[in-house]
PDB file of N, CA and C in Angstrom:
ATOM      1  N   MET A   1     -54.625 -31.496  30.029  1.00  0.00           N
ATOM      2  CA  MET A   1     -54.811 -32.231  31.256  1.00  0.00           C
ATOM      3  C   MET A   1     -56.155 -32.960  31.201  1.00  0.00           C
ATOM      4  N   LYS A   2     -56.131 -34.238  31.468  1.00  0.00           N
ATOM      5  CA  LYS A   2     -57.353 -35.033  31.494  1.00  0.00           C
ATOM      6  C   LYS A   2     -57.867 -35.131  32.920  1.00  0.00           C
ATOM      7  N   LYS A   3     -59.172 -34.982  33.065  1.00  0.00           N
ATOM      8  CA  LYS A   3     -59.822 -35.118  34.365  1.00  0.00           C
ATOM      9  C   LYS A   3     -60.765 -36.309  34.314  1.00  0.00           C
ATOM     10  N   LYS A   4     -60.870 -37.015  35.420  1.00  0.00           N
ATOM     11  CA  LYS A   4     -61.806 -38.133  35.500  1.00  0.00           C
ATOM     12  C   LYS A   4     -63.134 -37.640  36.057  1.00  0.00           C
ATOM     13  N   ILE A   5     -64.203 -38.120  35.458  1.00  0.00           N
ATOM     14  CA  ILE A   5     -65.549 -37.732  35.881  1.00  0.00           C
ATOM     15  C   ILE A   5     -65.925 -38.504  37.140  1.00  0.00           C
ATOM     16  N   LYS A   6     -66.362 -37.758  38.130  1.00  0.00           N
ATOM     17  CA  LYS A   6     -66.824 -38.337  39.395  1.00  0.00           C
ATOM     18  C   LYS A   6     -68.317 -38.648  39.326  1.00  0.00           C
ATOM     19  N   SER A   7     -69.093 -37.711  38.762  1.00  0.00           N
ATOM     20  CA  SER A   7     -70.534 -37.941  38.621  1.00  0.00           C
ATOM     21  C   SER A   7     -71.079 -37.137  37.448  1.00  0.00           C
ATOM     22  N   LEU A   8     -72.180 -37.633  36.926  1.00  0.00           N
ATOM     23  CA  LEU A   8     -72.864 -36.988  35.804  1.00  0.00           C
ATOM     24  C   LEU A   8     -74.345 -36.934  36.147  1.00  0.00           C
ATOM     25  N   TRP A   9     -74.918 -35.729  36.143  1.00  0.00           N
ATOM     26  CA  TRP A   9     -76.325 -35.522  36.492  1.00  0.00           C
ATOM     27  C   TRP A   9     -77.032 -34.984  35.257  1.00  0.00           C
ATOM     28  N   ILE A  10     -78.069 -35.668  34.830  1.00  0.00           N
ATOM     29  CA  ILE A  10     -78.887 -35.211  33.707  1.00  0.00           C
ATOM     30  C   ILE A  10     -80.319 -35.129  34.210  1.00  0.00           C
ATOM     31  N   GLU A  11     -80.887 -33.941  34.128  1.00  0.00           N
ATOM     32  CA  GLU A  11     -82.245 -33.731  34.635  1.00  0.00           C
ATOM     33  C   GLU A  11     -83.110 -33.136  33.536  1.00  0.00           C
ATOM     34  N   SER A  12     -84.309 -33.654  33.436  1.00  0.00           N
ATOM     35  CA  SER A  12     -85.273 -33.173  32.455  1.00  0.00           C
ATOM     36  C   SER A  12     -86.465 -32.583  33.186  1.00  0.00           C
ATOM     37  N   LYS A  13     -87.015 -31.514  32.637  1.00  0.00           N
ATOM     38  CA  LYS A  13     -88.197 -30.897  33.251  1.00  0.00           C
ATOM     39  C   LYS A  13     -89.397 -31.835  33.163  1.00  0.00           C
ATOM     40  N   GLN A  14     -89.565 -32.458  32.018  1.00  0.00           N
ATOM     41  CA  GLN A  14     -90.668 -33.398  31.815  1.00  0.00           C
ATOM     42  C   GLN A  14     -90.290 -34.749  32.398  1.00  0.00           C
ATOM     43  N   LYS A  15     -91.238 -35.444  32.941  1.00  0.00           N
ATOM     44  CA  LYS A  15     -90.989 -36.757  33.543  1.00  0.00           C
ATOM     45  C   LYS A  15     -91.476 -37.852  32.604  1.00  0.00           C
ATOM     46  N   VAL A  16     -90.805 -37.986  31.459  1.00  0.00           N
ATOM     47  CA  VAL A  16     -91.157 -39.033  30.500  1.00  0.00           C
ATOM     48  C   VAL A  16     -89.909 -39.849  30.194  1.00  0.00           C
ATOM     49  N   ALA A  17     -90.126 -41.041  29.710  1.00  0.00           N
ATOM     50  CA  ALA A  17     -88.996 -41.901  29.363  1.00  0.00           C
ATOM     51  C   ALA A  17     -88.230 -41.325  28.182  1.00  0.00           C
ATOM     52  N   ILE A  18     -86.903 -41.364  28.259  1.00  0.00           N
ATOM     53  CA  ILE A  18     -86.079 -40.867  27.158  1.00  0.00           C
ATOM     54  C   ILE A  18     -86.142 -41.840  25.988  1.00  0.00           C
ATOM     55  N   VAL A  19     -86.062 -43.137  26.283  1.00  0.00           N
ATOM     56  CA  VAL A  19     -86.117 -44.156  25.242  1.00  0.00           C
ATOM     57  C   VAL A  19     -87.480 -44.828  25.313  1.00  0.00           C
ATOM     58  N   GLY A  20     -88.202 -44.808  24.216  1.00  0.00           N
ATOM     59  CA  GLY A  20     -89.495 -45.469  24.162  1.00  0.00           C
ATOM     60  C   GLY A  20     -90.646 -44.662  24.718  1.00  0.00           C
ATOM     61  N   GLY A  21     -90.388 -43.439  25.144  1.00  0.00           N
ATOM     62  CA  GLY A  21     -91.449 -42.588  25.672  1.00  0.00           C
ATOM     63  C   GLY A  21     -92.059 -41.738  24.577  1.00  0.00           C
ATOM     64  N   GLN A  22     -92.987 -40.905  24.946  1.00  0.00           N
ATOM     65  CA  GLN A  22     -93.611 -39.990  24.003  1.00  0.00           C
ATOM     66  C   GLN A  22     -92.637 -38.862  23.661  1.00  0.00           C
ATOM     67  N   PRO A  23     -92.602 -38.420  22.408  1.00  0.00           N
ATOM     68  CA  PRO A  23     -91.713 -37.309  22.057  1.00  0.00           C
ATOM     69  C   PRO A  23     -92.163 -36.020  22.741  1.00  0.00           C
ATOM     70  N   VAL A  24     -91.225 -35.312  23.310  1.00  0.00           N
ATOM     71  CA  VAL A  24     -91.512 -34.049  23.985  1.00  0.00           C
ATOM     72  C   VAL A  24     -90.748 -32.961  23.244  1.00  0.00           C
ATOM     73  N   TYR A  25     -91.475 -31.983  22.724  1.00  0.00           N
ATOM     74  CA  TYR A  25     -90.852 -30.949  21.904  1.00  0.00           C
ATOM     75  C   TYR A  25     -90.628 -29.652  22.666  1.00  0.00           C
ATOM     76  N   ASP A  26     -91.081 -29.580  23.902  1.00  0.00           N
ATOM     77  CA  ASP A  26     -90.920 -28.342  24.668  1.00  0.00           C
ATOM     78  C   ASP A  26     -90.243 -28.603  26.014  1.00  0.00           C
ATOM     79  N   ASP A  27     -89.264 -29.472  26.024  1.00  0.00           N
ATOM     80  CA  ASP A  27     -88.581 -29.850  27.254  1.00  0.00           C
ATOM     81  C   ASP A  27     -87.236 -29.138  27.355  1.00  0.00           C
ATOM     82  N   ASN A  28     -86.778 -28.929  28.566  1.00  0.00           N
ATOM     83  CA  ASN A  28     -85.453 -28.386  28.827  1.00  0.00           C
ATOM     84  C   ASN A  28     -84.686 -29.413  29.646  1.00  0.00           C
ATOM     85  N   SER A  29     -83.369 -29.403  29.528  1.00  0.00           N
ATOM     86  CA  SER A  29     -82.539 -30.333  30.281  1.00  0.00           C
ATOM     87  C   SER A  29     -81.356 -29.605  30.891  1.00  0.00           C
ATOM     88  N   VAL A  30     -80.933 -30.084  32.052  1.00  0.00           N
ATOM     89  CA  VAL A  30     -79.751 -29.565  32.731  1.00  0.00           C
ATOM     90  C   VAL A  30     -78.766 -30.717  32.880  1.00  0.00           C
ATOM     91  N   VAL A  31     -77.494 -30.440  32.573  1.00  0.00           N
ATOM     92  CA  VAL A  31     -76.438 -31.436  32.722  1.00  0.00           C
ATOM     93  C   VAL A  31     -75.373 -30.854  33.644  1.00  0.00           C
ATOM     94  N   ILE A  32     -75.008 -31.608  34.673  1.00  0.00           N
ATOM     95  CA  ILE A  32     -73.948 -31.194  35.596  1.00  0.00           C
ATOM     96  C   ILE A  32     -72.898 -32.303  35.629  1.00  0.00           C
ATOM     97  N   VAL A  33     -71.671 -31.944  35.304  1.00  0.00           N
ATOM     98  CA  VAL A  33     -70.555 -32.883  35.347  1.00  0.00           C
ATOM     99  C   VAL A  33     -69.659 -32.478  36.512  1.00  0.00           C
ATOM    100  N   THR A  34     -69.400 -33.407  37.418  1.00  0.00           N
ATOM    101  CA  THR A  34     -68.502 -33.166  38.547  1.00  0.00           C
ATOM    102  C   THR A  34     -67.279 -34.055  38.370  1.00  0.00           C
ATOM    103  N   PHE A  35     -66.111 -33.436  38.474  1.00  0.00           N
ATOM    104  CA  PHE A  35     -64.861 -34.169  38.322  1.00  0.00           C
ATOM    105  C   PHE A  35     -64.309 -34.574  39.681  1.00  0.00           C
ATOM    106  N   GLU A  36     -63.308 -35.462  39.675  1.00  0.00           N
ATOM    107  CA  GLU A  36     -62.737 -35.970  40.919  1.00  0.00           C
ATOM    108  C   GLU A  36     -62.165 -34.874  41.806  1.00  0.00           C
ATOM    109  N   ASP A  37     -61.740 -33.746  41.221  1.00  0.00           N
ATOM    110  CA  ASP A  37     -61.215 -32.642  42.032  1.00  0.00           C
ATOM    111  C   ASP A  37     -62.340 -31.719  42.513  1.00  0.00           C
ATOM    112  N   ASP A  38     -63.590 -32.159  42.347  1.00  0.00           N
ATOM    113  CA  ASP A  38     -64.812 -31.451  42.750  1.00  0.00           C
ATOM    114  C   ASP A  38     -65.097 -30.185  41.947  1.00  0.00           C
ATOM    115  N   SER A  39     -64.437 -29.994  40.819  1.00  0.00           N
ATOM    116  CA  SER A  39     -64.822 -28.901  39.923  1.00  0.00           C
ATOM    117  C   SER A  39     -66.053 -29.345  39.139  1.00  0.00           C
ATOM    118  N   ASN A  40     -66.889 -28.374  38.745  1.00  0.00           N
ATOM    119  CA  ASN A  40     -68.156 -28.663  38.069  1.00  0.00           C
ATOM    120  C   ASN A  40     -68.255 -27.910  36.756  1.00  0.00           C
ATOM    121  N   TYR A  41     -68.948 -28.512  35.819  1.00  0.00           N
ATOM    122  CA  TYR A  41     -69.355 -27.851  34.588  1.00  0.00           C
ATOM    123  C   TYR A  41     -70.854 -28.060  34.464  1.00  0.00           C
ATOM    124  N   VAL A  42     -71.560 -26.992  34.120  1.00  0.00           N
ATOM    125  CA  VAL A  42     -73.016 -27.034  34.041  1.00  0.00           C
ATOM    126  C   VAL A  42     -73.449 -26.547  32.667  1.00  0.00           C
ATOM    127  N   ALA A  43     -74.435 -27.218  32.088  1.00  0.00           N
ATOM    128  CA  ALA A  43     -74.999 -26.790  30.805  1.00  0.00           C
ATOM    129  C   ALA A  43     -76.514 -26.938  30.870  1.00  0.00           C
ATOM    130  N   THR A  44     -77.207 -26.008  30.243  1.00  0.00           N
ATOM    131  CA  THR A  44     -78.660 -26.072  30.129  1.00  0.00           C
ATOM    132  C   THR A  44     -79.010 -26.113  28.653  1.00  0.00           C
ATOM    133  N   PHE A  45     -79.869 -27.033  28.284  1.00  0.00           N
ATOM    134  CA  PHE A  45     -80.288 -27.196  26.898  1.00  0.00           C
ATOM    135  C   PHE A  45     -81.769 -26.865  26.791  1.00  0.00           C
ATOM    136  N   PHE A  46     -82.121 -26.023  25.824  1.00  0.00           N
ATOM    137  CA  PHE A  46     -83.496 -25.590  25.601  1.00  0.00           C
ATOM    138  C   PHE A  46     -83.964 -26.056  24.233  1.00  0.00           C
ATOM    139  N   THR A  47     -85.246 -26.364  24.127  1.00  0.00           N
ATOM    140  CA  THR A  47     -85.822 -26.627  22.818  1.00  0.00           C
ATOM    141  C   THR A  47     -86.234 -25.297  22.189  1.00  0.00           C
ATOM    142  N   TYR A  48     -86.376 -25.278  20.892  1.00  0.00           N
ATOM    143  CA  TYR A  48     -86.776 -24.051  20.193  1.00  0.00           C
ATOM    144  C   TYR A  48     -88.133 -23.536  20.664  1.00  0.00           C
ATOM    145  N   VAL A  49     -89.011 -24.432  21.056  1.00  0.00           N
ATOM    146  CA  VAL A  49     -90.343 -24.035  21.512  1.00  0.00           C
ATOM    147  C   VAL A  49     -90.241 -23.130  22.740  1.00  0.00           C
ATOM    148  N   ASN A  50     -89.247 -23.350  23.573  1.00  0.00           N
ATOM    149  CA  ASN A  50     -89.105 -22.589  24.815  1.00  0.00           C
ATOM    150  C   ASN A  50     -88.244 -21.335  24.689  1.00  0.00           C
ATOM    151  N   LEU A  51     -87.772 -21.029  23.512  1.00  0.00           N
ATOM    152  CA  LEU A  51     -86.944 -19.821  23.349  1.00  0.00           C
ATOM    153  C   LEU A  51     -87.772 -18.614  23.012  1.00  0.00           C
TER     154      LEU A  51
END
């Protein structure tokens, strides 16, 4: 079954530009995908420095 994405939220702890910004080696990111039926999938990504 295919679901259509309603919204995609990507949040970074550091407030730097993703493209053309300074490299950040100790940042974490959260991704939240919401589908049209309002179901959600959440993922958190960590850098090795923060583990």
